[in-house]
Amino acid sequence: MSENRSKCDPILYPSEYVTTIVHYVLGERCRGSFIMIPTVFVYSVILILGLFGNIFTCIVIAKNKSMHNPTNYYLFSLAISDLLMLILGLPVELYEVFVPAYPTHLNFLTCKLRAFLIEFTSYASVLTITCFSIERWLAICFPLRAQLFSTLYRATRIIISVWIISFFSASPIMSLVIINKVKLPDNDTGLLIPEITMDNLTILYTDYCSLDSGNLLGQKFMIYSAFLFFFFFPAMLISLVYYHIVQTLKKADEYLHAGNRSSVRSNSKNRKSILRMLGKFIEKRF
């Protein structure tokens, strides 16, 4: 293989066929400037705004005792989840924009931890949003019951449970994500050339971090279970909850319409404000 080449140049092997296979499977080693510049800009904006916004949220909630209520506890949990991803995950993604895609610069442990962190924080966010939605549902549709169930102690226990469930649910991904290598073509098996392969099975310098290509059953199980339990079912539950909230508020407006119109106007405005806030909140996450 030729030396003194740019880090972004294609890797050239003694076999032109192997070179073609590697380029076909893994693509270009580096992103073009037309992709790199917008990517760096977007990642940087997300990192700066995300850090500022979530840290500010945590400080405000922590310092103001008047904001120590179940709703804000859930928002605090969401902010922590975002901060974990921003501090531990996004810098790695930003770094990888500037280095060749393969061979990967991530070691075995970092490869697994990055995948785990993405799943862990995503699961925690989805479950927290679901619990937050149920808490709002109880507060609006069943205000008397909410006084019994929506307590700080209960919210704290739910949030802790959410993080524990998310941790164990995301753990299996660590056994599925590995440092893969492109397999040596069948018609080249037996040609043990040091510049191409060291084990006569995989091609040198093709290391990349991804799901284990040899464990398709494990991949399918992880993908389908994550889709069902951390997207489909939560999305359905949240949709039903907010549909009931909307119907309850409509009935309340109709009931109040017979009373003081100014009071109706004020209450209606407040309810619409709540719905807009919750709607944007769910839209942001899903």
Protein backbone atom coordinates (compact mmCIF):
# COMPACT_ATOMS: atom_id res chain seq x y z
CA MET A 1 0.00 0.00 0.00
CA SER A 2 1.40 3.42 -0.96
CA GLU A 3 2.67 5.78 1.73
CA ASN A 4 3.03 9.55 2.12
CA ARG A 5 -0.52 10.06 0.99
CA SER A 6 -3.16 12.40 2.36
CA LYS A 7 -5.19 10.99 5.24
CA CYS A 8 -8.31 11.42 3.10
CA ASP A 9 -7.01 9.65 0.02
CA PRO A 10 -8.47 6.20 -0.71
CA ILE A 11 -6.45 3.32 0.71
CA LEU A 12 -4.74 1.51 -2.15
CA TYR A 13 -4.11 -2.22 -1.79
CA PRO A 14 -1.98 -4.50 -3.99
CA SER A 15 -5.24 -5.93 -5.30
CA GLU A 16 -7.32 -3.42 -7.25
CA TYR A 17 -10.37 -5.58 -6.58
CA VAL A 18 -9.88 -5.27 -2.81
CA THR A 19 -9.44 -1.51 -3.15
CA THR A 20 -12.72 -1.29 -5.05
CA ILE A 21 -14.53 -3.45 -2.47
CA VAL A 22 -13.36 -1.28 0.44
CA HIS A 23 -14.39 1.93 -1.31
CA TYR A 24 -17.76 0.43 -2.25
CA VAL A 25 -18.54 -0.78 1.29
CA LEU A 26 -17.19 2.14 3.33
CA GLY A 27 -17.28 5.01 0.86
CA GLU A 28 -15.09 8.10 1.07
CA ARG A 29 -12.75 8.33 4.03
CA CYS A 30 -13.44 12.02 4.66
CA ARG A 31 -16.44 14.28 4.26
CA GLY A 32 -16.33 16.95 1.60
CA SER A 33 -16.15 20.59 2.69
CA PHE A 34 -19.74 21.15 1.50
CA ILE A 35 -20.82 18.60 4.15
CA MET A 36 -18.17 19.28 6.79
CA ILE A 37 -18.75 23.04 7.15
CA PRO A 38 -22.55 22.88 7.69
CA THR A 39 -22.12 19.87 9.99
CA VAL A 40 -19.55 21.63 12.18
CA PHE A 41 -21.71 24.76 12.27
CA VAL A 42 -24.87 22.86 13.28
CA TYR A 43 -23.05 20.76 15.90
CA SER A 44 -21.39 23.85 17.37
CA VAL A 45 -24.67 25.76 17.59
CA ILE A 46 -26.40 22.79 19.21
CA LEU A 47 -23.54 22.38 21.68
CA ILE A 48 -23.39 26.04 22.72
CA LEU A 49 -27.14 26.66 22.90
CA GLY A 50 -27.79 23.26 24.46
CA LEU A 51 -25.22 23.75 27.21
CA PHE A 52 -26.40 27.27 27.98
CA GLY A 53 -30.11 26.43 27.94
CA ASN A 54 -29.95 23.21 29.94
CA ILE A 55 -27.48 24.50 32.54
CA PHE A 56 -29.63 27.60 32.98
CA THR A 57 -32.72 25.38 33.41
CA CYS A 58 -31.02 23.27 36.07
CA ILE A 59 -29.75 26.31 38.00
CA VAL A 60 -33.11 28.09 37.96
CA ILE A 61 -35.03 25.02 39.13
CA ALA A 62 -32.43 24.11 41.77
CA LYS A 63 -32.18 27.59 43.29
CA ASN A 64 -35.88 28.51 43.33
CA LYS A 65 -37.76 26.48 45.92
CA SER A 66 -41.02 27.79 44.50
CA MET A 67 -40.23 25.77 41.36
CA HIS A 68 -39.76 22.51 43.25
CA ASN A 69 -42.82 20.74 41.90
CA PRO A 70 -43.32 17.46 39.98
CA THR A 71 -43.47 19.17 36.58
CA ASN A 72 -40.17 20.98 37.04
CA TYR A 73 -38.55 17.85 38.44
CA TYR A 74 -39.31 16.13 35.14
CA LEU A 75 -37.91 19.12 33.23
CA PHE A 76 -34.78 18.96 35.41
CA SER A 77 -34.38 15.27 34.53
CA LEU A 78 -34.71 16.07 30.82
CA ALA A 79 -32.10 18.81 31.11
CA ILE A 80 -29.66 16.38 32.78
CA SER A 81 -30.24 13.86 30.00
CA ASP A 82 -29.51 16.51 27.36
CA LEU A 83 -26.39 17.66 29.19
CA LEU A 84 -25.00 14.13 29.36
CA MET A 85 -25.41 13.79 25.60
CA LEU A 86 -24.02 17.25 24.89
CA ILE A 87 -20.97 16.92 27.15
CA LEU A 88 -20.05 13.28 26.57
CA GLY A 89 -21.49 12.50 23.15
CA LEU A 90 -21.52 15.52 20.87
CA PRO A 91 -17.78 16.36 21.21
CA VAL A 92 -16.97 12.86 19.95
CA GLU A 93 -19.30 13.35 16.99
CA LEU A 94 -17.71 16.73 16.30
CA TYR A 95 -14.21 15.25 16.48
CA GLU A 96 -15.10 12.53 14.00
CA VAL A 97 -16.05 15.16 11.43
CA PHE A 98 -12.36 16.11 11.12
CA VAL A 99 -10.80 12.64 11.02
CA PRO A 100 -11.07 9.87 8.43
CA ALA A 101 -14.09 7.62 8.81
CA TYR A 102 -11.87 4.54 8.65
CA PRO A 103 -9.83 3.12 10.16
CA THR A 104 -11.74 4.44 13.18
CA HIS A 105 -9.93 6.47 15.84
CA LEU A 106 -12.23 5.08 18.53
CA ASN A 107 -10.95 2.25 20.67
CA PHE A 108 -13.00 -0.79 21.64
CA LEU A 109 -14.35 0.72 24.88
CA THR A 110 -15.10 4.19 23.47
CA CYS A 111 -17.00 2.63 20.58
CA LYS A 112 -19.28 0.74 22.96
CA LEU A 113 -19.71 3.61 25.43
CA ARG A 114 -20.73 6.06 22.70
CA ALA A 115 -23.48 3.74 21.49
CA PHE A 116 -24.61 3.09 25.06
CA LEU A 117 -24.72 6.80 25.89
CA ILE A 118 -26.90 7.59 22.86
CA GLU A 119 -29.37 4.83 23.72
CA PHE A 120 -29.32 5.53 27.46
CA THR A 121 -30.03 9.26 27.24
CA SER A 122 -32.62 8.77 24.48
CA TYR A 123 -34.52 6.19 26.52
CA ALA A 124 -34.38 8.38 29.63
CA SER A 125 -35.74 11.37 27.68
CA VAL A 126 -38.60 9.41 26.12
CA LEU A 127 -39.68 7.83 29.41
CA THR A 128 -39.41 11.14 31.25
CA ILE A 129 -41.58 12.86 28.63
CA THR A 130 -44.13 10.05 28.95
CA CYS A 131 -44.25 10.38 32.74
CA PHE A 132 -44.42 14.17 32.43
CA SER A 133 -47.37 13.85 30.05
CA ILE A 134 -49.20 11.54 32.44
CA GLU A 135 -48.55 13.97 35.29
CA ARG A 136 -50.05 16.82 33.24
CA TRP A 137 -52.97 14.57 32.31
CA LEU A 138 -53.72 13.87 35.96
CA ALA A 139 -53.38 17.54 36.88
CA ILE A 140 -55.77 18.76 34.16
CA CYS A 141 -58.25 15.90 33.82
CA PHE A 142 -58.27 14.60 37.39
CA PRO A 143 -57.21 17.53 39.60
CA LEU A 144 -58.46 15.93 42.84
CA ARG A 145 -56.56 12.70 42.23
CA ALA A 146 -53.52 14.67 41.16
CA GLN A 147 -53.27 16.16 44.64
CA LEU A 148 -52.76 12.63 45.98
CA PHE A 149 -50.51 11.23 43.26
CA SER A 150 -48.54 14.26 42.00
CA THR A 151 -46.15 14.72 44.90
CA LEU A 152 -42.43 15.51 44.93
CA TYR A 153 -41.64 12.20 46.62
CA ARG A 154 -43.56 10.26 44.00
CA ALA A 155 -42.03 12.24 41.12
CA THR A 156 -38.53 11.65 42.52
CA ARG A 157 -39.11 7.90 42.75
CA ILE A 158 -40.52 7.81 39.20
CA ILE A 159 -37.55 9.74 37.80
CA ILE A 160 -35.06 7.46 39.55
CA SER A 161 -36.94 4.43 38.19
CA VAL A 162 -36.86 5.94 34.69
CA TRP A 163 -33.08 6.29 34.79
CA ILE A 164 -32.61 2.77 36.17
CA ILE A 165 -34.90 1.25 33.52
CA SER A 166 -33.15 3.26 30.79
CA PHE A 167 -29.73 2.12 32.00
CA PHE A 168 -30.55 -1.58 31.90
CA SER A 169 -32.55 -1.30 28.68
CA ALA A 170 -29.62 0.36 26.90
CA SER A 171 -26.97 -2.00 28.30
CA PRO A 172 -27.45 -4.76 25.68
CA ILE A 173 -26.27 -2.38 22.96
CA MET A 174 -22.76 -2.68 24.37
CA SER A 175 -22.65 -6.35 23.44
CA LEU A 176 -23.86 -5.61 19.90
CA VAL A 177 -21.58 -2.71 18.98
CA ILE A 178 -18.04 -3.67 18.04
CA ILE A 179 -15.12 -2.59 15.87
CA ASN A 180 -16.01 -4.21 12.54
CA LYS A 181 -13.75 -4.84 9.56
CA VAL A 182 -14.61 -5.38 5.92
CA LYS A 183 -14.46 -9.08 5.11
CA LEU A 184 -11.98 -10.32 2.56
CA PRO A 185 -13.76 -11.28 -0.70
CA ASP A 186 -14.25 -15.03 -1.07
CA ASN A 187 -12.28 -15.23 -4.28
CA ASP A 188 -9.26 -13.66 -2.52
CA THR A 189 -9.31 -16.06 0.44
CA GLY A 190 -6.02 -17.85 0.76
CA LEU A 191 -3.97 -14.93 -0.49
CA LEU A 192 -2.35 -14.05 2.85
CA ILE A 193 -0.71 -10.79 1.81
CA PRO A 194 0.50 -8.65 4.77
CA GLU A 195 -0.56 -5.44 2.99
CA ILE A 196 -4.13 -6.74 2.65
CA THR A 197 -4.90 -9.06 5.56
CA MET A 198 -3.32 -10.51 8.67
CA ASP A 199 -5.95 -13.13 9.46
CA ASN A 200 -7.03 -14.15 5.94
CA LEU A 201 -10.59 -13.12 6.87
CA THR A 202 -10.72 -9.33 7.06
CA ILE A 203 -9.06 -6.43 5.25
CA LEU A 204 -6.54 -4.20 7.00
CA TYR A 205 -7.30 -0.54 7.80
CA THR A 206 -11.06 -0.96 7.45
CA ASP A 207 -11.93 -0.72 11.16
CA TYR A 208 -15.24 1.03 11.82
CA CYS A 209 -17.53 1.25 14.86
CA SER A 210 -21.02 -0.15 14.28
CA LEU A 211 -23.42 -2.95 15.13
CA ASP A 212 -21.92 -6.41 14.84
CA SER A 213 -22.47 -7.40 11.22
CA GLY A 214 -22.30 -11.06 12.23
CA ASN A 215 -25.16 -10.86 14.72
CA LEU A 216 -28.21 -9.97 12.63
CA LEU A 217 -30.63 -11.59 15.09
CA GLY A 218 -29.33 -9.46 17.95
CA GLN A 219 -29.54 -6.35 15.77
CA LYS A 220 -33.16 -7.02 14.84
CA PHE A 221 -34.16 -7.70 18.44
CA MET A 222 -32.53 -4.49 19.69
CA ILE A 223 -33.96 -2.33 16.90
CA TYR A 224 -37.50 -3.71 17.10
CA SER A 225 -37.67 -3.65 20.90
CA ALA A 226 -36.31 -0.09 21.01
CA PHE A 227 -38.85 1.00 18.41
CA LEU A 228 -41.78 -0.59 20.24
CA PHE A 229 -40.97 0.26 23.86
CA PHE A 230 -39.22 3.59 23.44
CA PHE A 231 -41.04 5.11 20.49
CA PHE A 232 -44.28 3.47 19.36
CA PHE A 233 -45.91 2.71 22.72
CA PRO A 234 -44.82 6.02 24.34
CA ALA A 235 -45.99 7.96 21.27
CA MET A 236 -49.37 6.23 21.34
CA LEU A 237 -49.78 6.80 25.07
CA ILE A 238 -48.78 10.46 24.82
CA SER A 239 -51.17 10.98 21.90
CA LEU A 240 -54.07 9.49 23.87
CA VAL A 241 -53.19 11.51 26.96
CA TYR A 242 -53.10 14.83 25.11
CA TYR A 243 -56.24 13.97 23.17
CA HIS A 244 -58.04 13.50 26.48
CA ILE A 245 -56.56 16.77 27.77
CA VAL A 246 -57.85 18.64 24.72
CA GLN A 247 -61.31 17.11 25.11
CA THR A 248 -61.38 17.96 28.81
CA LEU A 249 -60.41 21.57 28.17
CA LYS A 250 -63.06 21.88 25.46
CA LYS A 251 -65.73 20.63 27.85
CA ALA A 252 -64.49 23.01 30.54
CA ASP A 253 -64.73 25.93 28.11
CA GLU A 254 -68.28 24.96 27.17
CA TYR A 255 -69.23 24.74 30.83
CA LEU A 256 -67.67 28.07 31.68
CA HIS A 257 -69.26 29.74 28.66
CA ALA A 258 -72.49 30.08 30.62
CA GLY A 259 -70.69 32.07 33.34
CA ASN A 260 -68.61 35.19 33.30
CA ARG A 261 -67.36 35.78 29.75
CA SER A 262 -64.27 37.63 30.87
CA SER A 263 -63.37 34.72 33.12
CA VAL A 264 -63.97 32.33 30.25
CA ARG A 265 -61.71 34.37 28.01
CA SER A 266 -58.93 34.36 30.61
CA ASN A 267 -59.22 30.64 31.36
CA SER A 268 -59.37 29.77 27.68
CA LYS A 269 -56.24 31.78 26.99
CA ASN A 270 -54.38 30.05 29.82
CA ARG A 271 -55.43 26.61 28.63
CA LYS A 272 -54.42 27.35 25.04
CA SER A 273 -51.06 28.55 26.32
CA ILE A 274 -50.59 25.28 28.18
CA LEU A 275 -51.51 23.24 25.12
CA ARG A 276 -49.13 25.19 22.88
CA MET A 277 -46.30 24.68 25.34
CA LEU A 278 -46.94 20.95 25.68
CA GLY A 279 -47.45 20.55 21.95
CA LYS A 280 -44.12 22.17 21.14
CA PHE A 281 -42.50 20.12 23.87
CA ILE A 282 -43.67 16.84 22.37
CA GLU A 283 -42.88 17.99 18.82
CA LYS A 284 -39.31 18.78 19.87
CA ARG A 285 -38.78 15.29 21.26
CA PHE A 286 -40.55 13.19 18.65
